[in-house]
Protein backbone atom coordinates (compact mmCIF):
# COMPACT_ATOMS: atom_id res chain seq x y z
CA MET A 1 -0.22 0.09 -0.02
CA GLY A 2 1.42 3.53 -1.16
CA SER A 3 1.95 5.83 1.32
CA GLU A 4 0.71 9.64 0.63
CA ASP A 5 2.95 11.11 4.00
CA ARG A 6 6.74 13.00 2.46
CA LYS A 7 8.11 11.88 5.35
CA VAL A 8 7.57 8.09 5.16
CA ARG A 9 8.38 8.12 0.91
CA GLU A 10 12.25 9.78 2.33
CA LYS A 11 12.51 6.59 4.84
CA GLN A 12 11.31 4.37 1.95
CA PHE A 13 14.48 6.05 -0.41
CA GLU A 14 16.88 6.15 2.27
CA LYS A 15 16.48 2.39 3.41
CA ALA A 16 16.57 2.00 -0.63
CA LYS A 17 19.38 4.25 -0.77
CA SER A 18 21.98 2.27 2.77
CA THR A 19 20.34 -0.98 0.92
CA PHE A 20 21.53 -0.05 -2.15
CA GLU A 21 24.72 1.10 -0.41
CA ALA A 22 25.84 -2.08 1.36
CA ARG A 23 25.13 -4.33 -1.41
CA LYS A 24 27.49 -2.71 -3.13
CA ALA A 25 30.46 -2.98 -0.03
CA LEU A 26 29.88 -6.00 -0.82
CA LEU A 27 30.49 -6.61 -3.64
CA ALA A 28 33.39 -4.05 -3.72
CA GLU A 29 34.95 -5.96 0.13
CA LYS A 30 34.82 -9.66 -2.34
CA GLY A 31 37.05 -7.64 -4.80
CA LEU A 32 34.84 -7.70 -7.82
CA ASP A 33 34.46 -4.18 -9.82
CA GLU A 34 32.77 -1.87 -10.84
CA LYS A 35 32.10 -3.47 -14.39
CA ALA A 36 30.81 -6.59 -12.47
CA GLN A 37 29.17 -4.64 -10.23
CA THR A 38 26.88 -3.83 -13.10
CA LYS A 39 26.35 -7.50 -14.16
CA ASP A 40 25.13 -8.18 -10.05
CA ALA A 41 21.64 -8.98 -10.68
CA VAL A 42 20.33 -7.83 -6.63
CA LEU A 43 22.01 -4.64 -7.22
CA LYS A 44 19.85 -3.67 -10.23
CA ASN A 45 17.02 -4.39 -8.31
CA LEU A 46 18.25 -2.33 -5.58
CA LYS A 47 19.12 0.59 -7.94
CA ALA A 48 16.01 0.78 -9.86
CA GLY A 49 14.15 0.57 -5.86
CA VAL A 50 15.95 3.73 -5.25
CA LYS A 51 15.29 5.05 -8.50
CA LYS A 52 11.43 4.37 -8.54
CA ALA A 53 11.71 6.31 -4.70
CA ARG A 54 13.98 9.02 -6.58
CA GLU A 55 10.61 9.18 -8.40
CA ARG A 56 8.16 8.91 -5.84
CA ILE A 57 9.14 12.12 -4.69
CA ALA A 58 9.42 13.70 -8.03
CA ALA A 59 6.11 13.39 -8.64
CA MET A 60 5.08 14.13 -5.13
CA THR A 61 7.18 17.43 -5.37
CA ALA A 62 5.01 17.91 -8.93
CA ALA A 63 2.24 17.39 -7.56
CA GLU A 64 2.34 20.24 -4.92
CA ALA A 65 3.54 22.30 -6.88
CA HIS A 66 0.73 21.93 -8.79
CA VAL A 67 -1.88 22.13 -6.37
CA GLN A 68 -0.94 25.50 -5.23
CA GLU A 69 -0.51 26.92 -8.35
CA MET A 70 -4.62 26.07 -9.17
CA ALA A 71 -4.58 27.63 -5.92
CA LYS A 72 -3.37 30.86 -6.82
CA LYS A 73 -5.19 30.89 -10.07
CA ASN A 74 -8.16 30.44 -7.94
CA THR A 75 -7.73 32.61 -5.84
CA LYS A 76 -6.87 35.43 -9.02
CA ALA A 77 -10.21 34.46 -10.13
CA LYS A 78 -12.55 34.64 -7.28
CA LYS A 79 -10.62 38.66 -6.72
CA ASP A 80 -11.79 39.42 -10.84
CA LYS A 81 -15.14 38.24 -9.85
CA LYS A 82 -15.33 40.12 -7.04
CA LYS A 83 -14.46 43.29 -9.18
CA PRO A 84 -16.85 45.37 -10.81
CA LYS A 85 -17.12 46.10 -14.16
CA GLY A 86 -16.81 49.74 -15.94
CA ALA A 87 -19.15 50.53 -18.97
CA GLY A 88 -15.81 49.75 -20.77
CA ALA A 89 -15.60 46.43 -19.60
CA GLN A 90 -19.80 45.71 -20.98
CA LYS A 91 -20.22 42.64 -24.27
CA LYS A 92 -20.02 44.92 -27.31
CA GLN A 93 -23.86 43.64 -29.13
CA LYS A 94 -23.34 42.77 -32.65
CA PRO A 95 -25.35 44.39 -35.22
CA LYS A 96 -28.63 42.32 -36.10
CA LYS A 97 -28.57 40.71 -40.21
CA LYS A 98 -31.01 42.46 -41.84
């Protein structure tokens, strides 16, 4: 079950990142170079988990920015509705066709 709380998502990201780093350190300790480490299936899976967690946080940030932008537009629209229309602001009527 997914969480919409930023703190939980950041904890998930930190956990995934620490697990990834631990696995990478273990492989380095075993004597595997970078090229051999990229072939490790477990490391690939952990890297994908880090990427997904990062994307989730980025999506939350984008959604929050969108909500703030829409709130700003709504307040502006409400202010525009409250302004009284002047004489020049009325619609121009089209001449009738004969």
